Amino acid sequence: MKEDPLELDTRRMIYDIIESSPGIHFREISRRLDIPMGVVEYHINYMLKRDMIVARKEGRYKRYYTEGKIGSNEKKVLAFLRKDAPRAIIMHLMLNPGARHRDLKRELGISGSTLSFHLKKMLRKDVIREEEEGGHKRFHVVDPETVSRTLIIYKRSFMDDLVDSFTDTWMEMEF
């Protein structure tokens, strides 16, 4: 009789949170499920060895995804959407394509240096693009369809009123 790798309740809960919140990182899993980090680590290693989940190093975090359930573009986008400042920048650009640095700074209340830091990272990863227009740099989301679809599909995993408001607005615009 073959063993069910998700037979244990704890492992099933960890798998389920990775599936419902792709791109979640280790400490967030432990915090959300209120499971000690050592237990989370044991079950993650078990699932990694059996190719049930994959880990992807993104910046300071190792992020987890269920195997074969999410494409590379979505993983790239989710890595930024999982962080507050980049998520706010991306959502603002989705609703205000072509915003300038000073517009983003003013609207989001982010310092210029912090904003520049996040914009540069997103430009390098091709999540946003920059256009020169009238002597000003304007920013756009490279793949708005992937971003909007990802936000809508995983809306509940963000636990963010801004995402709720964005997805409601976006769906009204689309339909």
C-alpha atoms as a PDB file:
ATOM      1  CA  MET A   1       0.000   0.000   0.000  1.00  0.00           C
ATOM      2  CA  LYS A   2       1.483   3.316  -1.094  1.00  0.00           C
ATOM      3  CA  GLU A   3       1.860   6.052   1.511  1.00  0.00           C
ATOM      4  CA  ASP A   4      -0.091   9.298   1.021  1.00  0.00           C
ATOM      5  CA  PRO A   5       2.491  12.106   1.418  1.00  0.00           C
ATOM      6  CA  LEU A   6      -0.273  14.476   2.616  1.00  0.00           C
ATOM      7  CA  GLU A   7      -1.722  12.047   5.144  1.00  0.00           C
ATOM      8  CA  LEU A   8      -0.428  14.040   8.117  1.00  0.00           C
ATOM      9  CA  ASP A   9      -2.648  16.998   9.024  1.00  0.00           C
ATOM     10  CA  THR A  10       0.291  19.343   9.614  1.00  0.00           C
ATOM     11  CA  ARG A  11       1.871  18.544   6.258  1.00  0.00           C
ATOM     12  CA  ARG A  12      -1.511  18.940   4.538  1.00  0.00           C
ATOM     13  CA  MET A  13      -1.970  22.384   6.145  1.00  0.00           C
ATOM     14  CA  ILE A  14       1.496  23.490   5.026  1.00  0.00           C
ATOM     15  CA  TYR A  15       0.901  22.200   1.487  1.00  0.00           C
ATOM     16  CA  ASP A  16      -2.521  23.873   1.357  1.00  0.00           C
ATOM     17  CA  ILE A  17      -1.157  27.268   2.427  1.00  0.00           C
ATOM     18  CA  ILE A  18       1.609  27.042  -0.192  1.00  0.00           C
ATOM     19  CA  GLU A  19      -0.989  26.141  -2.805  1.00  0.00           C
ATOM     20  CA  SER A  20      -3.365  28.958  -1.805  1.00  0.00           C
ATOM     21  CA  SER A  21      -0.576  31.536  -1.232  1.00  0.00           C
ATOM     22  CA  PRO A  22       2.094  30.783  -3.843  1.00  0.00           C
ATOM     23  CA  GLY A  23       5.318  32.621  -3.175  1.00  0.00           C
ATOM     24  CA  ILE A  24       4.846  32.472   0.575  1.00  0.00           C
ATOM     25  CA  HIS A  25       8.079  32.307   2.564  1.00  0.00           C
ATOM     26  CA  PHE A  26       9.109  30.060   5.451  1.00  0.00           C
ATOM     27  CA  ARG A  27       8.469  32.397   8.394  1.00  0.00           C
ATOM     28  CA  GLU A  28       5.110  33.445   6.977  1.00  0.00           C
ATOM     29  CA  ILE A  29       4.027  29.793   6.813  1.00  0.00           C
ATOM     30  CA  SER A  30       5.068  29.308  10.429  1.00  0.00           C
ATOM     31  CA  ARG A  31       3.350  32.524  11.531  1.00  0.00           C
ATOM     32  CA  ARG A  32       0.070  31.995   9.681  1.00  0.00           C
ATOM     33  CA  LEU A  33      -0.328  28.395  10.760  1.00  0.00           C
ATOM     34  CA  ASP A  34       1.118  28.962  14.247  1.00  0.00           C
ATOM     35  CA  ILE A  35       3.410  25.972  13.783  1.00  0.00           C
ATOM     36  CA  PRO A  36       6.973  25.957  15.171  1.00  0.00           C
ATOM     37  CA  MET A  37       9.615  26.671  12.531  1.00  0.00           C
ATOM     38  CA  GLY A  38      11.355  23.337  13.127  1.00  0.00           C
ATOM     39  CA  VAL A  39       8.147  21.461  12.302  1.00  0.00           C
ATOM     40  CA  VAL A  40       7.568  23.593   9.186  1.00  0.00           C
ATOM     41  CA  GLU A  41      11.158  22.977   8.091  1.00  0.00           C
ATOM     42  CA  TYR A  42      10.789  19.197   8.503  1.00  0.00           C
ATOM     43  CA  HIS A  43       7.624  19.048   6.384  1.00  0.00           C
ATOM     44  CA  ILE A  44       8.937  21.457   3.733  1.00  0.00           C
ATOM     45  CA  ASN A  45      12.091  19.351   3.337  1.00  0.00           C
ATOM     46  CA  TYR A  46       9.931  16.228   3.062  1.00  0.00           C
ATOM     47  CA  MET A  47       7.831  17.801   0.290  1.00  0.00           C
ATOM     48  CA  LEU A  48      10.858  19.260  -1.518  1.00  0.00           C
ATOM     49  CA  LYS A  49      12.536  15.825  -1.651  1.00  0.00           C
ATOM     50  CA  ARG A  50       9.380  14.337  -3.182  1.00  0.00           C
ATOM     51  CA  ASP A  51       9.006  17.177  -5.738  1.00  0.00           C
ATOM     52  CA  MET A  52       5.620  18.169  -4.321  1.00  0.00           C
ATOM     53  CA  ILE A  53       6.744  21.767  -3.909  1.00  0.00           C
ATOM     54  CA  VAL A  54       9.552  23.885  -5.304  1.00  0.00           C
ATOM     55  CA  ALA A  55      11.615  26.576  -3.630  1.00  0.00           C
ATOM     56  CA  ARG A  56      12.830  29.682  -5.387  1.00  0.00           C
ATOM     57  CA  LYS A  57      15.339  32.092  -3.856  1.00  0.00           C
ATOM     58  CA  GLU A  58      14.186  35.667  -4.403  1.00  0.00           C
ATOM     59  CA  GLY A  59      16.207  38.323  -2.655  1.00  0.00           C
ATOM     60  CA  ARG A  60      16.459  37.552   1.039  1.00  0.00           C
ATOM     61  CA  TYR A  61      13.604  35.073   0.949  1.00  0.00           C
ATOM     62  CA  LYS A  62      13.155  31.543  -0.241  1.00  0.00           C
ATOM     63  CA  ARG A  63       9.625  31.320  -1.604  1.00  0.00           C
ATOM     64  CA  TYR A  64       7.596  28.153  -2.011  1.00  0.00           C
ATOM     65  CA  TYR A  65       5.238  27.025  -4.766  1.00  0.00           C
ATOM     66  CA  THR A  66       3.356  23.814  -5.440  1.00  0.00           C
ATOM     67  CA  GLU A  67       5.010  21.913  -8.258  1.00  0.00           C
ATOM     68  CA  GLY A  68       3.612  22.557 -11.710  1.00  0.00           C
ATOM     69  CA  LYS A  69       0.704  24.746 -10.581  1.00  0.00           C
ATOM     70  CA  ILE A  70       2.075  28.189 -11.403  1.00  0.00           C
ATOM     71  CA  GLY A  71       4.095  29.549 -14.322  1.00  0.00           C
ATOM     72  CA  SER A  72       7.422  31.363 -14.181  1.00  0.00           C
ATOM     73  CA  ASN A  73       5.887  34.774 -15.051  1.00  0.00           C
ATOM     74  CA  GLU A  74       3.400  34.440 -12.211  1.00  0.00           C
ATOM     75  CA  LYS A  75       6.199  33.408  -9.816  1.00  0.00           C
ATOM     76  CA  LYS A  76       8.191  36.479 -10.817  1.00  0.00           C
ATOM     77  CA  VAL A  77       5.187  38.764 -10.305  1.00  0.00           C
ATOM     78  CA  LEU A  78       4.182  37.094  -7.024  1.00  0.00           C
ATOM     79  CA  ALA A  79       7.658  37.644  -5.599  1.00  0.00           C
ATOM     80  CA  PHE A  80       6.997  41.397  -5.815  1.00  0.00           C
ATOM     81  CA  LEU A  81       3.310  41.256  -4.914  1.00  0.00           C
ATOM     82  CA  ARG A  82       4.145  39.501  -1.626  1.00  0.00           C
ATOM     83  CA  LYS A  83       5.933  42.676  -0.401  1.00  0.00           C
ATOM     84  CA  ASP A  84       3.946  45.749   0.646  1.00  0.00           C
ATOM     85  CA  ALA A  85       5.823  48.555  -1.157  1.00  0.00           C
ATOM     86  CA  PRO A  86       6.286  46.777  -4.516  1.00  0.00           C
ATOM     87  CA  ARG A  87       2.656  45.583  -4.393  1.00  0.00           C
ATOM     88  CA  ALA A  88       1.458  49.162  -3.853  1.00  0.00           C
ATOM     89  CA  ILE A  89       3.669  50.412  -6.713  1.00  0.00           C
ATOM     90  CA  ILE A  90       2.467  47.722  -9.131  1.00  0.00           C
ATOM     91  CA  MET A  91      -1.200  48.244  -8.282  1.00  0.00           C
ATOM     92  CA  HIS A  92      -0.835  52.006  -8.668  1.00  0.00           C
ATOM     93  CA  LEU A  93       0.811  51.534 -12.076  1.00  0.00           C
ATOM     94  CA  MET A  94      -1.955  49.146 -13.119  1.00  0.00           C
ATOM     95  CA  LEU A  95      -4.557  51.828 -12.440  1.00  0.00           C
ATOM     96  CA  ASN A  96      -2.340  54.761 -13.510  1.00  0.00           C
ATOM     97  CA  PRO A  97      -0.103  53.581 -16.382  1.00  0.00           C
ATOM     98  CA  GLY A  98       2.654  56.028 -17.224  1.00  0.00           C
ATOM     99  CA  ALA A  99       2.958  57.448 -13.714  1.00  0.00           C
ATOM    100  CA  ARG A 100       6.159  59.338 -13.013  1.00  0.00           C
ATOM    101  CA  HIS A 101       8.512  58.851 -10.073  1.00  0.00           C
ATOM    102  CA  ARG A 102       7.215  61.954  -8.314  1.00  0.00           C
ATOM    103  CA  ASP A 103       3.581  60.843  -8.834  1.00  0.00           C
ATOM    104  CA  LEU A 104       4.304  57.471  -7.262  1.00  0.00           C
ATOM    105  CA  LYS A 105       6.210  59.072  -4.392  1.00  0.00           C
ATOM    106  CA  ARG A 106       3.386  61.492  -3.641  1.00  0.00           C
ATOM    107  CA  GLU A 107       0.484  59.049  -4.067  1.00  0.00           C
ATOM    108  CA  LEU A 108       2.055  56.157  -2.167  1.00  0.00           C
ATOM    109  CA  GLY A 109       3.859  58.123   0.529  1.00  0.00           C
ATOM    110  CA  ILE A 110       7.117  56.275  -0.118  1.00  0.00           C
ATOM    111  CA  SER A 111      10.467  58.037   0.199  1.00  0.00           C
ATOM    112  CA  GLY A 112      12.264  58.747  -3.072  1.00  0.00           C
ATOM    113  CA  SER A 113      15.162  56.428  -2.286  1.00  0.00           C
ATOM    114  CA  THR A 114      12.887  53.536  -1.266  1.00  0.00           C
ATOM    115  CA  LEU A 115      10.779  54.029  -4.376  1.00  0.00           C
ATOM    116  CA  SER A 116      13.884  54.105  -6.613  1.00  0.00           C
ATOM    117  CA  PHE A 117      15.196  50.930  -4.961  1.00  0.00           C
ATOM    118  CA  HIS A 118      11.978  49.009  -5.697  1.00  0.00           C
ATOM    119  CA  LEU A 119      11.570  50.437  -9.201  1.00  0.00           C
ATOM    120  CA  LYS A 120      15.126  49.383 -10.136  1.00  0.00           C
ATOM    121  CA  LYS A 121      14.514  45.831  -8.880  1.00  0.00           C
ATOM    122  CA  MET A 122      11.261  45.557 -10.818  1.00  0.00           C
ATOM    123  CA  LEU A 123      12.874  47.024 -13.956  1.00  0.00           C
ATOM    124  CA  ARG A 124      15.711  44.453 -13.760  1.00  0.00           C
ATOM    125  CA  LYS A 125      13.199  41.594 -13.474  1.00  0.00           C
ATOM    126  CA  ASP A 126      11.034  42.982 -16.325  1.00  0.00           C
ATOM    127  CA  VAL A 127       7.964  43.394 -14.144  1.00  0.00           C
ATOM    128  CA  ILE A 128       7.756  47.082 -15.057  1.00  0.00           C
ATOM    129  CA  ARG A 129       9.202  49.092 -17.932  1.00  0.00           C
ATOM    130  CA  GLU A 130      10.317  52.676 -18.218  1.00  0.00           C
ATOM    131  CA  GLU A 131       9.549  55.067 -21.085  1.00  0.00           C
ATOM    132  CA  GLU A 132      11.000  58.484 -21.754  1.00  0.00           C
ATOM    133  CA  GLU A 133       8.291  61.001 -22.588  1.00  0.00           C
ATOM    134  CA  GLY A 134       8.735  64.747 -22.706  1.00  0.00           C
ATOM    135  CA  GLY A 135      11.939  64.576 -20.678  1.00  0.00           C
ATOM    136  CA  HIS A 136      10.247  62.517 -17.957  1.00  0.00           C
ATOM    137  CA  LYS A 137      10.513  58.826 -17.152  1.00  0.00           C
ATOM    138  CA  ARG A 138       7.151  57.108 -17.005  1.00  0.00           C
ATOM    139  CA  PHE A 139       6.559  53.632 -15.645  1.00  0.00           C
ATOM    140  CA  HIS A 140       4.271  50.866 -16.901  1.00  0.00           C
ATOM    141  CA  VAL A 141       3.562  47.274 -15.862  1.00  0.00           C
ATOM    142  CA  VAL A 142       5.018  44.947 -18.512  1.00  0.00           C
ATOM    143  CA  ASP A 143       2.293  42.285 -18.334  1.00  0.00           C
ATOM    144  CA  PRO A 144      -0.876  43.753 -16.801  1.00  0.00           C
ATOM    145  CA  GLU A 145      -2.923  40.651 -17.677  1.00  0.00           C
ATOM    146  CA  THR A 146      -0.677  38.354 -15.630  1.00  0.00           C
ATOM    147  CA  VAL A 147      -0.614  40.821 -12.734  1.00  0.00           C
ATOM    148  CA  SER A 148      -4.379  41.290 -12.661  1.00  0.00           C
ATOM    149  CA  ARG A 149      -5.081  37.568 -13.048  1.00  0.00           C
ATOM    150  CA  THR A 150      -2.601  36.746 -10.275  1.00  0.00           C
ATOM    151  CA  LEU A 151      -4.073  39.350  -7.928  1.00  0.00           C
ATOM    152  CA  ILE A 152      -7.609  38.161  -8.592  1.00  0.00           C
ATOM    153  CA  ILE A 153      -6.824  34.447  -8.238  1.00  0.00           C
ATOM    154  CA  TYR A 154      -4.775  34.846  -5.038  1.00  0.00           C
ATOM    155  CA  LYS A 155      -6.670  37.828  -3.592  1.00  0.00           C
ATOM    156  CA  ARG A 156      -7.507  36.064  -0.321  1.00  0.00           C
ATOM    157  CA  SER A 157      -3.875  35.142   0.348  1.00  0.00           C
ATOM    158  CA  PHE A 158      -2.747  38.777   0.543  1.00  0.00           C
ATOM    159  CA  MET A 159      -4.975  39.796   3.462  1.00  0.00           C
ATOM    160  CA  ASP A 160      -4.775  43.382   2.247  1.00  0.00           C
ATOM    161  CA  ASP A 161      -7.683  45.826   1.848  1.00  0.00           C
ATOM    162  CA  LEU A 162      -5.766  47.556  -0.963  1.00  0.00           C
ATOM    163  CA  VAL A 163      -5.716  44.303  -2.976  1.00  0.00           C
ATOM    164  CA  ASP A 164      -9.447  43.809  -2.333  1.00  0.00           C
ATOM    165  CA  SER A 165     -10.190  47.328  -3.534  1.00  0.00           C
ATOM    166  CA  PHE A 166      -7.899  46.966  -6.552  1.00  0.00           C
ATOM    167  CA  THR A 167      -9.374  43.648  -7.686  1.00  0.00           C
ATOM    168  CA  ASP A 168     -12.933  44.979  -7.334  1.00  0.00           C
ATOM    169  CA  THR A 169     -12.033  48.088  -9.370  1.00  0.00           C
ATOM    170  CA  TRP A 170     -10.125  46.072 -11.984  1.00  0.00           C
ATOM    171  CA  MET A 171     -12.953  43.604 -12.478  1.00  0.00           C
ATOM    172  CA  GLU A 172     -15.437  46.461 -12.935  1.00  0.00           C
ATOM    173  CA  MET A 173     -13.158  47.996 -15.587  1.00  0.00           C
ATOM    174  CA  GLU A 174     -12.766  44.692 -17.429  1.00  0.00           C
ATOM    175  CA  PHE A 175     -16.427  43.645 -17.527  1.00  0.00           C
END
